[in-house]
Amino acid sequence: MRSERVAKSKKAPGNRMTSTKASEPMAFYTLTVWNDHAAMLAYRNSAAHGKAMPKLKHWCDEASYAHWEADDLATVNWEDAKRRLRDDPVVTPVKHPSRAHAELLAASKAKRSAT
């Protein structure tokens, strides 16, 4: 199922790159690069992505993402993505969060309300 969604992402209009990684225990990461913000939003709002994402809050005890713009595809890499997830994540609420995720979500909400 996951590999099917990755294949659809790779074929989506405006997709320049899709890469996935998995780590223990049961952590999965996807890194995508799009021609522009509109192409990314079109895929995010498509049936291919939209079918799975509502299930995320039930499947996962942690979920977050990072979004940034890069001028050069050569500068997009897993090390930078991991740093952005660590330093400036967009934290997604889940039904049964881990303690770490609940703390991260609370800190993220406090940070947003302070700005």
PDB file of N, CA and C in Angstrom:
ATOM      1  N   MET A   1       0.821  -1.185   0.000  1.00  0.00           N
ATOM      2  CA  MET A   1       0.000   0.000   0.000  1.00  0.00           C
ATOM      3  C   MET A   1       0.875   1.263   0.000  1.00  0.00           C
ATOM      4  N   ARG A   2       1.859   1.326   0.911  1.00  0.00           N
ATOM      5  CA  ARG A   2       2.732   2.487   0.982  1.00  0.00           C
ATOM      6  C   ARG A   2       3.497   2.660  -0.315  1.00  0.00           C
ATOM      7  N   SER A   3       4.002   1.573  -0.889  1.00  0.00           N
ATOM      8  CA  SER A   3       4.756   1.670  -2.131  1.00  0.00           C
ATOM      9  C   SER A   3       3.871   2.143  -3.279  1.00  0.00           C
ATOM     10  N   GLU A   4       2.581   1.827  -3.231  1.00  0.00           N
ATOM     11  CA  GLU A   4       1.642   2.309  -4.244  1.00  0.00           C
ATOM     12  C   GLU A   4       1.508   3.829  -4.164  1.00  0.00           C
ATOM     13  N   ARG A   5       1.400   4.362  -2.939  1.00  0.00           N
ATOM     14  CA  ARG A   5       1.295   5.816  -2.768  1.00  0.00           C
ATOM     15  C   ARG A   5       2.579   6.502  -3.200  1.00  0.00           C
ATOM     16  N   VAL A   6       3.717   5.904  -2.918  1.00  0.00           N
ATOM     17  CA  VAL A   6       4.989   6.480  -3.337  1.00  0.00           C
ATOM     18  C   VAL A   6       5.052   6.521  -4.860  1.00  0.00           C
ATOM     19  N   ALA A   7       4.619   5.463  -5.511  1.00  0.00           N
ATOM     20  CA  ALA A   7       4.607   5.434  -6.973  1.00  0.00           C
ATOM     21  C   ALA A   7       3.703   6.532  -7.524  1.00  0.00           C
ATOM     22  N   LYS A   8       2.549   6.742  -6.901  1.00  0.00           N
ATOM     23  CA  LYS A   8       1.638   7.800  -7.350  1.00  0.00           C
ATOM     24  C   LYS A   8       2.263   9.164  -7.138  1.00  0.00           C
ATOM     25  N   SER A   9       2.970   9.342  -6.033  1.00  0.00           N
ATOM     26  CA  SER A   9       3.653  10.611  -5.780  1.00  0.00           C
ATOM     27  C   SER A   9       4.681  10.880  -6.871  1.00  0.00           C
ATOM     28  N   LYS A  10       5.462   9.876  -7.224  1.00  0.00           N
ATOM     29  CA  LYS A  10       6.504  10.044  -8.236  1.00  0.00           C
ATOM     30  C   LYS A  10       5.924  10.423  -9.594  1.00  0.00           C
ATOM     31  N   LYS A  11       4.705   9.949  -9.886  1.00  0.00           N
ATOM     32  CA  LYS A  11       4.067  10.223 -11.173  1.00  0.00           C
ATOM     33  C   LYS A  11       3.229  11.492 -11.166  1.00  0.00           C
ATOM     34  N   ALA A  12       3.054  12.097 -10.004  1.00  0.00           N
ATOM     35  CA  ALA A  12       2.193  13.277  -9.897  1.00  0.00           C
ATOM     36  C   ALA A  12       2.799  14.457 -10.655  1.00  0.00           C
ATOM     37  N   PRO A  13       1.946  15.242 -11.294  1.00  0.00           N
ATOM     38  CA  PRO A  13       2.452  16.430 -12.002  1.00  0.00           C
ATOM     39  C   PRO A  13       3.205  17.347 -11.050  1.00  0.00           C
ATOM     40  N   GLY A  14       4.384  17.766 -11.466  1.00  0.00           N
ATOM     41  CA  GLY A  14       5.182  18.681 -10.668  1.00  0.00           C
ATOM     42  C   GLY A  14       6.134  18.022  -9.689  1.00  0.00           C
ATOM     43  N   ASN A  15       6.081  16.686  -9.556  1.00  0.00           N
ATOM     44  CA  ASN A  15       6.989  16.009  -8.627  1.00  0.00           C
ATOM     45  C   ASN A  15       8.364  15.896  -9.258  1.00  0.00           C
ATOM     46  N   ARG A  16       9.370  16.351  -8.526  1.00  0.00           N
ATOM     47  CA  ARG A  16      10.747  16.257  -9.002  1.00  0.00           C
ATOM     48  C   ARG A  16      11.518  15.135  -8.338  1.00  0.00           C
ATOM     49  N   MET A  17      11.077  14.769  -7.106  1.00  0.00           N
ATOM     50  CA  MET A  17      11.782  13.712  -6.389  1.00  0.00           C
ATOM     51  C   MET A  17      10.900  13.187  -5.266  1.00  0.00           C
ATOM     52  N   THR A  18      10.932  11.874  -5.066  1.00  0.00           N
ATOM     53  CA  THR A  18      10.305  11.247  -3.908  1.00  0.00           C
ATOM     54  C   THR A  18      11.272  10.209  -3.382  1.00  0.00           C
ATOM     55  N   SER A  19      11.536  10.278  -2.083  1.00  0.00           N
ATOM     56  CA  SER A  19      12.432   9.327  -1.443  1.00  0.00           C
ATOM     57  C   SER A  19      11.793   8.896  -0.125  1.00  0.00           C
ATOM     58  N   THR A  20      11.979   7.655   0.247  1.00  0.00           N
ATOM     59  CA  THR A  20      11.423   7.170   1.510  1.00  0.00           C
ATOM     60  C   THR A  20      12.525   6.507   2.341  1.00  0.00           C
ATOM     61  N   LYS A  21      12.295   6.511   3.645  1.00  0.00           N
ATOM     62  CA  LYS A  21      13.196   5.835   4.584  1.00  0.00           C
ATOM     63  C   LYS A  21      12.346   5.234   5.688  1.00  0.00           C
ATOM     64  N   ALA A  22      12.840   4.182   6.262  1.00  0.00           N
ATOM     65  CA  ALA A  22      12.200   3.564   7.422  1.00  0.00           C
ATOM     66  C   ALA A  22      13.271   3.341   8.477  1.00  0.00           C
ATOM     67  N   SER A  23      12.856   3.467   9.733  1.00  0.00           N
ATOM     68  CA  SER A  23      13.777   3.163  10.825  1.00  0.00           C
ATOM     69  C   SER A  23      12.997   2.474  11.922  1.00  0.00           C
ATOM     70  N   GLU A  24      13.701   1.899  12.831  1.00  0.00           N
ATOM     71  CA  GLU A  24      13.070   1.197  13.949  1.00  0.00           C
ATOM     72  C   GLU A  24      12.748   2.181  15.049  1.00  0.00           C
ATOM     73  N   PRO A  25      11.766   2.008  15.806  1.00  0.00           N
ATOM     74  CA  PRO A  25      10.710   1.018  15.624  1.00  0.00           C
ATOM     75  C   PRO A  25       9.536   1.621  14.854  1.00  0.00           C
ATOM     76  N   MET A  26       9.274   1.117  13.712  1.00  0.00           N
ATOM     77  CA  MET A  26       8.113   1.492  12.898  1.00  0.00           C
ATOM     78  C   MET A  26       8.037   2.987  12.604  1.00  0.00           C
ATOM     79  N   ALA A  27       9.140   3.601  12.237  1.00  0.00           N
ATOM     80  CA  ALA A  27       9.138   5.009  11.846  1.00  0.00           C
ATOM     81  C   ALA A  27       9.345   5.080  10.335  1.00  0.00           C
ATOM     82  N   PHE A  28       8.523   5.880   9.679  1.00  0.00           N
ATOM     83  CA  PHE A  28       8.585   5.990   8.226  1.00  0.00           C
ATOM     84  C   PHE A  28       8.664   7.452   7.831  1.00  0.00           C
ATOM     85  N   TYR A  29       9.487   7.740   6.847  1.00  0.00           N
ATOM     86  CA  TYR A  29       9.719   9.098   6.397  1.00  0.00           C
ATOM     87  C   TYR A  29       9.578   9.166   4.883  1.00  0.00           C
ATOM     88  N   THR A  30       9.025  10.276   4.410  1.00  0.00           N
ATOM     89  CA  THR A  30       8.942  10.537   2.979  1.00  0.00           C
ATOM     90  C   THR A  30       9.467  11.937   2.734  1.00  0.00           C
ATOM     91  N   LEU A  31      10.340  12.070   1.768  1.00  0.00           N
ATOM     92  CA  LEU A  31      10.893  13.356   1.370  1.00  0.00           C
ATOM     93  C   LEU A  31      10.497  13.577  -0.083  1.00  0.00           C
ATOM     94  N   THR A  32       9.769  14.653  -0.343  1.00  0.00           N
ATOM     95  CA  THR A  32       9.366  14.952  -1.717  1.00  0.00           C
ATOM     96  C   THR A  32       9.826  16.349  -2.097  1.00  0.00           C
ATOM     97  N   VAL A  33      10.062  16.536  -3.388  1.00  0.00           N
ATOM     98  CA  VAL A  33      10.426  17.838  -3.937  1.00  0.00           C
ATOM     99  C   VAL A  33       9.477  18.107  -5.103  1.00  0.00           C
ATOM    100  N   TRP A  34       8.938  19.315  -5.116  1.00  0.00           N
ATOM    101  CA  TRP A  34       7.938  19.710  -6.123  1.00  0.00           C
ATOM    102  C   TRP A  34       8.421  20.921  -6.899  1.00  0.00           C
ATOM    103  N   ASN A  35       7.927  21.054  -8.125  1.00  0.00           N
ATOM    104  CA  ASN A  35       8.292  22.208  -8.948  1.00  0.00           C
ATOM    105  C   ASN A  35       7.919  23.516  -8.255  1.00  0.00           C
ATOM    106  N   ASP A  36       6.776  23.516  -7.589  1.00  0.00           N
ATOM    107  CA  ASP A  36       6.326  24.721  -6.905  1.00  0.00           C
ATOM    108  C   ASP A  36       5.294  24.348  -5.836  1.00  0.00           C
ATOM    109  N   HIS A  37       4.926  25.338  -5.053  1.00  0.00           N
ATOM    110  CA  HIS A  37       3.986  25.130  -3.951  1.00  0.00           C
ATOM    111  C   HIS A  37       2.637  24.631  -4.463  1.00  0.00           C
ATOM    112  N   ALA A  38       2.191  25.155  -5.594  1.00  0.00           N
ATOM    113  CA  ALA A  38       0.896  24.746  -6.168  1.00  0.00           C
ATOM    114  C   ALA A  38       0.886  23.257  -6.513  1.00  0.00           C
ATOM    115  N   ALA A  39       1.982  22.739  -7.062  1.00  0.00           N
ATOM    116  CA  ALA A  39       2.061  21.312  -7.406  1.00  0.00           C
ATOM    117  C   ALA A  39       2.009  20.454  -6.149  1.00  0.00           C
ATOM    118  N   MET A  40       2.694  20.892  -5.094  1.00  0.00           N
ATOM    119  CA  MET A  40       2.674  20.153  -3.831  1.00  0.00           C
ATOM    120  C   MET A  40       1.262  20.134  -3.250  1.00  0.00           C
ATOM    121  N   LEU A  41       0.597  21.293  -3.257  1.00  0.00           N
ATOM    122  CA  LEU A  41      -0.766  21.360  -2.729  1.00  0.00           C
ATOM    123  C   LEU A  41      -1.727  20.508  -3.555  1.00  0.00           C
ATOM    124  N   ALA A  42      -1.559  20.499  -4.862  1.00  0.00           N
ATOM    125  CA  ALA A  42      -2.424  19.692  -5.718  1.00  0.00           C
ATOM    126  C   ALA A  42      -2.300  18.216  -5.359  1.00  0.00           C
ATOM    127  N   TYR A  43      -1.071  17.748  -5.128  1.00  0.00           N
ATOM    128  CA  TYR A  43      -0.904  16.347  -4.730  1.00  0.00           C
ATOM    129  C   TYR A  43      -1.446  16.109  -3.326  1.00  0.00           C
ATOM    130  N   ARG A  44      -1.137  17.010  -2.407  1.00  0.00           N
ATOM    131  CA  ARG A  44      -1.620  16.858  -1.031  1.00  0.00           C
ATOM    132  C   ARG A  44      -3.147  16.771  -0.982  1.00  0.00           C
ATOM    133  N   ASN A  45      -3.817  17.502  -1.851  1.00  0.00           N
ATOM    134  CA  ASN A  45      -5.280  17.524  -1.867  1.00  0.00           C
ATOM    135  C   ASN A  45      -5.889  16.469  -2.783  1.00  0.00           C
ATOM    136  N   SER A  46      -5.054  15.658  -3.423  1.00  0.00           N
ATOM    137  CA  SER A  46      -5.546  14.639  -4.353  1.00  0.00           C
ATOM    138  C   SER A  46      -6.064  13.410  -3.618  1.00  0.00           C
ATOM    139  N   ALA A  47      -6.803  12.593  -4.339  1.00  0.00           N
ATOM    140  CA  ALA A  47      -7.336  11.352  -3.767  1.00  0.00           C
ATOM    141  C   ALA A  47      -6.210  10.426  -3.319  1.00  0.00           C
ATOM    142  N   ALA A  48      -5.112  10.382  -4.070  1.00  0.00           N
ATOM    143  CA  ALA A  48      -3.994   9.484  -3.733  1.00  0.00           C
ATOM    144  C   ALA A  48      -3.463   9.767  -2.333  1.00  0.00           C
ATOM    145  N   HIS A  49      -3.308  10.999  -1.985  1.00  0.00           N
ATOM    146  CA  HIS A  49      -2.791  11.381  -0.672  1.00  0.00           C
ATOM    147  C   HIS A  49      -3.921  11.458   0.350  1.00  0.00           C
ATOM    148  N   GLY A  50      -5.020  12.012  -0.064  1.00  0.00           N
ATOM    149  CA  GLY A  50      -6.139  12.235   0.838  1.00  0.00           C
ATOM    150  C   GLY A  50      -6.781  10.982   1.397  1.00  0.00           C
ATOM    151  N   LYS A  51      -6.644   9.881   0.701  1.00  0.00           N
ATOM    152  CA  LYS A  51      -7.224   8.625   1.167  1.00  0.00           C
ATOM    153  C   LYS A  51      -6.518   8.102   2.423  1.00  0.00           C
ATOM    154  N   ALA A  52      -5.231   8.271   2.483  1.00  0.00           N
ATOM    155  CA  ALA A  52      -4.457   7.736   3.609  1.00  0.00           C
ATOM    156  C   ALA A  52      -4.339   8.705   4.781  1.00  0.00           C
ATOM    157  N   MET A  53      -4.244   9.976   4.515  1.00  0.00           N
ATOM    158  CA  MET A  53      -3.936  10.933   5.576  1.00  0.00           C
ATOM    159  C   MET A  53      -4.972  10.997   6.701  1.00  0.00           C
ATOM    160  N   PRO A  54      -6.272  10.865   6.443  1.00  0.00           N
ATOM    161  CA  PRO A  54      -7.202  10.865   7.578  1.00  0.00           C
ATOM    162  C   PRO A  54      -6.973   9.681   8.536  1.00  0.00           C
ATOM    163  N   LYS A  55      -6.366   8.624   8.041  1.00  0.00           N
ATOM    164  CA  LYS A  55      -6.091   7.446   8.874  1.00  0.00           C
ATOM    165  C   LYS A  55      -4.853   7.635   9.747  1.00  0.00           C
ATOM    166  N   LEU A  56      -4.024   8.609   9.380  1.00  0.00           N
ATOM    167  CA  LEU A  56      -2.763   8.831  10.072  1.00  0.00           C
ATOM    168  C   LEU A  56      -2.961   9.016  11.568  1.00  0.00           C
ATOM    169  N   LYS A  57      -3.954   9.801  11.961  1.00  0.00           N
ATOM    170  CA  LYS A  57      -4.141  10.083  13.393  1.00  0.00           C
ATOM    171  C   LYS A  57      -4.519   8.838  14.182  1.00  0.00           C
ATOM    172  N   HIS A  58      -5.025   7.808  13.498  1.00  0.00           N
ATOM    173  CA  HIS A  58      -5.367   6.543  14.159  1.00  0.00           C
ATOM    174  C   HIS A  58      -4.190   5.558  14.132  1.00  0.00           C
ATOM    175  N   TRP A  59      -3.388   5.614  13.085  1.00  0.00           N
ATOM    176  CA  TRP A  59      -2.284   4.670  12.906  1.00  0.00           C
ATOM    177  C   TRP A  59      -1.049   5.029  13.728  1.00  0.00           C
ATOM    178  N   CYS A  60      -0.800   6.316  13.891  1.00  0.00           N
ATOM    179  CA  CYS A  60       0.492   6.772  14.407  1.00  0.00           C
ATOM    180  C   CYS A  60       0.401   7.313  15.828  1.00  0.00           C
ATOM    181  N   ASP A  61       1.503   7.219  16.543  1.00  0.00           N
ATOM    182  CA  ASP A  61       1.578   7.888  17.840  1.00  0.00           C
ATOM    183  C   ASP A  61       2.445   9.144  17.742  1.00  0.00           C
ATOM    184  N   GLU A  62       3.025   9.377  16.573  1.00  0.00           N
ATOM    185  CA  GLU A  62       3.784  10.591  16.299  1.00  0.00           C
ATOM    186  C   GLU A  62       3.638  10.903  14.813  1.00  0.00           C
ATOM    187  N   ALA A  63       3.488  12.186  14.482  1.00  0.00           N
ATOM    188  CA  ALA A  63       3.411  12.606  13.084  1.00  0.00           C
ATOM    189  C   ALA A  63       3.778  14.079  12.999  1.00  0.00           C
ATOM    190  N   SER A  64       4.686  14.389  12.120  1.00  0.00           N
ATOM    191  CA  SER A  64       5.050  15.778  11.900  1.00  0.00           C
ATOM    192  C   SER A  64       5.649  15.908  10.509  1.00  0.00           C
ATOM    193  N   TYR A  65       5.774  17.146  10.073  1.00  0.00           N
ATOM    194  CA  TYR A  65       6.392  17.384   8.773  1.00  0.00           C
ATOM    195  C   TYR A  65       7.104  18.720   8.805  1.00  0.00           C
ATOM    196  N   ALA A  66       7.914  18.946   7.806  1.00  0.00           N
ATOM    197  CA  ALA A  66       8.601  20.224   7.637  1.00  0.00           C
ATOM    198  C   ALA A  66       8.403  20.651   6.197  1.00  0.00           C
ATOM    199  N   HIS A  67       8.276  21.931   5.999  1.00  0.00           N
ATOM    200  CA  HIS A  67       8.085  22.474   4.656  1.00  0.00           C
ATOM    201  C   HIS A  67       9.081  23.611   4.471  1.00  0.00           C
ATOM    202  N   TRP A  68       9.778  23.593   3.352  1.00  0.00           N
ATOM    203  CA  TRP A  68      10.675  24.686   3.029  1.00  0.00           C
ATOM    204  C   TRP A  68      10.854  24.737   1.526  1.00  0.00           C
ATOM    205  N   GLU A  69      11.374  25.863   1.072  1.00  0.00           N
ATOM    206  CA  GLU A  69      11.647  26.034  -0.350  1.00  0.00           C
ATOM    207  C   GLU A  69      13.147  26.036  -0.565  1.00  0.00           C
ATOM    208  N   ALA A  70      13.553  25.360  -1.627  1.00  0.00           N
ATOM    209  CA  ALA A  70      14.973  25.276  -1.973  1.00  0.00           C
ATOM    210  C   ALA A  70      15.142  25.699  -3.430  1.00  0.00           C
ATOM    211  N   ASP A  71      16.158  26.482  -3.680  1.00  0.00           N
ATOM    212  CA  ASP A  71      16.404  26.940  -5.050  1.00  0.00           C
ATOM    213  C   ASP A  71      17.068  25.868  -5.902  1.00  0.00           C
ATOM    214  N   ASP A  72      17.772  24.958  -5.266  1.00  0.00           N
ATOM    215  CA  ASP A  72      18.564  23.966  -5.989  1.00  0.00           C
ATOM    216  C   ASP A  72      18.256  22.564  -5.461  1.00  0.00           C
ATOM    217  N   LEU A  73      17.845  21.672  -6.338  1.00  0.00           N
ATOM    218  CA  LEU A  73      17.524  20.295  -5.956  1.00  0.00           C
ATOM    219  C   LEU A  73      18.716  19.616  -5.282  1.00  0.00           C
ATOM    220  N   ALA A  74      19.914  20.001  -5.661  1.00  0.00           N
ATOM    221  CA  ALA A  74      21.119  19.383  -5.089  1.00  0.00           C
ATOM    222  C   ALA A  74      21.253  19.678  -3.592  1.00  0.00           C
ATOM    223  N   THR A  75      20.572  20.705  -3.100  1.00  0.00           N
ATOM    224  CA  THR A  75      20.675  21.049  -1.677  1.00  0.00           C
ATOM    225  C   THR A  75      19.672  20.285  -0.820  1.00  0.00           C
ATOM    226  N   VAL A  76      18.767  19.548  -1.447  1.00  0.00           N
ATOM    227  CA  VAL A  76      17.742  18.800  -0.699  1.00  0.00           C
ATOM    228  C   VAL A  76      18.301  17.426  -0.354  1.00  0.00           C
ATOM    229  N   ASN A  77      18.357  17.129   0.950  1.00  0.00           N
ATOM    230  CA  ASN A  77      18.916  15.846   1.376  1.00  0.00           C
ATOM    231  C   ASN A  77      18.293  15.433   2.705  1.00  0.00           C
ATOM    232  N   TRP A  78      18.495  14.174   3.050  1.00  0.00           N
ATOM    233  CA  TRP A  78      17.906  13.635   4.276  1.00  0.00           C
ATOM    234  C   TRP A  78      18.449  14.298   5.535  1.00  0.00           C
ATOM    235  N   GLU A  79      19.717  14.648   5.552  1.00  0.00           N
ATOM    236  CA  GLU A  79      20.287  15.275   6.744  1.00  0.00           C
ATOM    237  C   GLU A  79      19.590  16.606   7.024  1.00  0.00           C
ATOM    238  N   ASP A  80      19.390  17.412   5.976  1.00  0.00           N
ATOM    239  CA  ASP A  80      18.713  18.695   6.143  1.00  0.00           C
ATOM    240  C   ASP A  80      17.252  18.486   6.553  1.00  0.00           C
ATOM    241  N   ALA A  81      16.591  17.517   5.943  1.00  0.00           N
ATOM    242  CA  ALA A  81      15.193  17.233   6.288  1.00  0.00           C
ATOM    243  C   ALA A  81      15.072  16.827   7.755  1.00  0.00           C
ATOM    244  N   LYS A  82      15.964  15.965   8.223  1.00  0.00           N
ATOM    245  CA  LYS A  82      15.930  15.549   9.630  1.00  0.00           C
ATOM    246  C   LYS A  82      16.175  16.730  10.566  1.00  0.00           C
ATOM    247  N   ARG A  83      17.104  17.608  10.193  1.00  0.00           N
ATOM    248  CA  ARG A  83      17.381  18.791  11.009  1.00  0.00           C
ATOM    249  C   ARG A  83      16.136  19.678  11.081  1.00  0.00           C
ATOM    250  N   ARG A  84      15.467  19.865   9.960  1.00  0.00           N
ATOM    251  CA  ARG A  84      14.265  20.704   9.940  1.00  0.00           C
ATOM    252  C   ARG A  84      13.135  20.069  10.746  1.00  0.00           C
ATOM    253  N   LEU A  85      13.000  18.756  10.666  1.00  0.00           N
ATOM    254  CA  LEU A  85      11.989  18.073  11.484  1.00  0.00           C
ATOM    255  C   LEU A  85      12.286  18.215  12.975  1.00  0.00           C
ATOM    256  N   ARG A  86      13.548  18.194  13.310  1.00  0.00           N
ATOM    257  CA  ARG A  86      13.948  18.337  14.715  1.00  0.00           C
ATOM    258  C   ARG A  86      13.788  19.777  15.197  1.00  0.00           C
ATOM    259  N   ASP A  87      14.233  20.749  14.379  1.00  0.00           N
ATOM    260  CA  ASP A  87      14.301  22.140  14.813  1.00  0.00           C
ATOM    261  C   ASP A  87      13.020  22.939  14.601  1.00  0.00           C
ATOM    262  N   ASP A  88      12.248  22.609  13.575  1.00  0.00           N
ATOM    263  CA  ASP A  88      11.066  23.415  13.268  1.00  0.00           C
ATOM    264  C   ASP A  88       9.953  22.549  12.671  1.00  0.00           C
ATOM    265  N   PRO A  89       9.482  21.566  13.424  1.00  0.00           N
ATOM    266  CA  PRO A  89       8.458  20.672  12.869  1.00  0.00           C
ATOM    267  C   PRO A  89       7.071  21.314  12.880  1.00  0.00           C
ATOM    268  N   VAL A  90       6.255  20.885  11.931  1.00  0.00           N
ATOM    269  CA  VAL A  90       4.824  21.144  11.982  1.00  0.00           C
ATOM    270  C   VAL A  90       4.246  19.858  12.565  1.00  0.00           C
ATOM    271  N   VAL A  91       3.732  19.935  13.766  1.00  0.00           N
ATOM    272  CA  VAL A  91       3.326  18.747  14.515  1.00  0.00           C
ATOM    273  C   VAL A  91       1.850  18.459  14.244  1.00  0.00           C
ATOM    274  N   THR A  92       1.567  17.230  13.865  1.00  0.00           N
ATOM    275  CA  THR A  92       0.215  16.805  13.544  1.00  0.00           C
ATOM    276  C   THR A  92      -0.405  16.102  14.747  1.00  0.00           C
ATOM    277  N   PRO A  93      -1.602  16.524  15.160  1.00  0.00           N
ATOM    278  CA  PRO A  93      -2.270  15.833  16.271  1.00  0.00           C
ATOM    279  C   PRO A  93      -2.619  14.387  15.895  1.00  0.00           C
ATOM    280  N   VAL A  94      -2.453  13.487  16.852  1.00  0.00           N
ATOM    281  CA  VAL A  94      -2.812  12.080  16.660  1.00  0.00           C
ATOM    282  C   VAL A  94      -3.677  11.637  17.837  1.00  0.00           C
ATOM    283  N   LYS A  95      -4.417  10.542  17.657  1.00  0.00           N
ATOM    284  CA  LYS A  95      -5.359  10.079  18.687  1.00  0.00           C
ATOM    285  C   LYS A  95      -4.670   9.579  19.953  1.00  0.00           C
ATOM    286  N   HIS A  96      -3.569   8.870  19.800  1.00  0.00           N
ATOM    287  CA  HIS A  96      -2.873   8.273  20.943  1.00  0.00           C
ATOM    288  C   HIS A  96      -1.395   8.657  20.889  1.00  0.00           C
ATOM    289  N   PRO A  97      -1.067   9.926  21.234  1.00  0.00           N
ATOM    290  CA  PRO A  97       0.313  10.389  21.095  1.00  0.00           C
ATOM    291  C   PRO A  97       1.256   9.784  22.129  1.00  0.00           C
ATOM    292  N   SER A  98       2.481   9.594  21.696  1.00  0.00           N
ATOM    293  CA  SER A  98       3.531   9.235  22.652  1.00  0.00           C
ATOM    294  C   SER A  98       3.737  10.436  23.573  1.00  0.00           C
ATOM    295  N   ARG A  99       4.391  10.217  24.688  1.00  0.00           N
ATOM    296  CA  ARG A  99       4.667  11.331  25.611  1.00  0.00           C
ATOM    297  C   ARG A  99       5.490  12.410  24.895  1.00  0.00           C
ATOM    298  N   ALA A 100       6.497  12.000  24.155  1.00  0.00           N
ATOM    299  CA  ALA A 100       7.351  12.953  23.439  1.00  0.00           C
ATOM    300  C   ALA A 100       6.542  13.766  22.425  1.00  0.00           C
ATOM    301  N   HIS A 101       5.628  13.097  21.736  1.00  0.00           N
ATOM    302  CA  HIS A 101       4.821  13.794  20.736  1.00  0.00           C
ATOM    303  C   HIS A 101       3.859  14.776  21.406  1.00  0.00           C
ATOM    304  N   ALA A 102       3.256  14.390  22.510  1.00  0.00           N
ATOM    305  CA  ALA A 102       2.351  15.287  23.237  1.00  0.00           C
ATOM    306  C   ALA A 102       3.107  16.534  23.707  1.00  0.00           C
ATOM    307  N   GLU A 103       4.319  16.364  24.179  1.00  0.00           N
ATOM    308  CA  GLU A 103       5.129  17.501  24.620  1.00  0.00           C
ATOM    309  C   GLU A 103       5.507  18.395  23.447  1.00  0.00           C
ATOM    310  N   LEU A 104       5.858  17.771  22.324  1.00  0.00           N
ATOM    311  CA  LEU A 104       6.213  18.530  21.125  1.00  0.00           C
ATOM    312  C   LEU A 104       5.010  19.311  20.603  1.00  0.00           C
ATOM    313  N   LEU A 105       3.839  18.697  20.620  1.00  0.00           N
ATOM    314  CA  LEU A 105       2.617  19.371  20.170  1.00  0.00           C
ATOM    315  C   LEU A 105       2.296  20.565  21.067  1.00  0.00           C
ATOM    316  N   ALA A 106       2.419  20.389  22.378  1.00  0.00           N
ATOM    317  CA  ALA A 106       2.163  21.487  23.316  1.00  0.00           C
ATOM    318  C   ALA A 106       3.148  22.637  23.093  1.00  0.00           C
ATOM    319  N   ALA A 107       4.414  22.313  22.901  1.00  0.00           N
ATOM    320  CA  ALA A 107       5.428  23.335  22.658  1.00  0.00           C
ATOM    321  C   ALA A 107       5.176  24.045  21.331  1.00  0.00           C
ATOM    322  N   SER A 108       4.766  23.295  20.341  1.00  0.00           N
ATOM    323  CA  SER A 108       4.472  23.875  19.023  1.00  0.00           C
ATOM    324  C   SER A 108       3.291  24.841  19.103  1.00  0.00           C
ATOM    325  N   LYS A 109       2.253  24.456  19.825  1.00  0.00           N
ATOM    326  CA  LYS A 109       1.083  25.334  19.995  1.00  0.00           C
ATOM    327  C   LYS A 109       1.477  26.601  20.748  1.00  0.00           C
ATOM    328  N   ALA A 110       2.281  26.460  21.790  1.00  0.00           N
ATOM    329  CA  ALA A 110       2.723  27.621  22.564  1.00  0.00           C
ATOM    330  C   ALA A 110       3.570  28.560  21.693  1.00  0.00           C
ATOM    331  N   LYS A 111       4.414  27.996  20.869  1.00  0.00           N
ATOM    332  CA  LYS A 111       5.267  28.791  19.981  1.00  0.00           C
ATOM    333  C   LYS A 111       4.407  29.574  18.980  1.00  0.00           C
ATOM    334  N   ARG A 112       3.396  28.904  18.397  1.00  0.00           N
ATOM    335  CA  ARG A 112       2.522  29.567  17.417  1.00  0.00           C
ATOM    336  C   ARG A 112       1.692  30.669  18.084  1.00  0.00           C
ATOM    337  N   SER A 113       1.209  30.443  19.292  1.00  0.00           N
ATOM    338  CA  SER A 113       0.378  31.450  19.949  1.00  0.00           C
ATOM    339  C   SER A 113       1.200  32.657  20.408  1.00  0.00           C
ATOM    340  N   ALA A 114       2.505  32.463  20.595  1.00  0.00           N
ATOM    341  CA  ALA A 114       3.389  33.556  21.010  1.00  0.00           C
ATOM    342  C   ALA A 114       3.733  34.487  19.854  1.00  0.00           C
ATOM    343  N   THR A 115       3.537  34.016  18.635  1.00  0.00           N
ATOM    344  CA  THR A 115       3.902  34.855  17.477  1.00  0.00           C
ATOM    345  C   THR A 115       2.720  35.582  16.901  1.00  0.00           C
TER     346      THR A 115
END
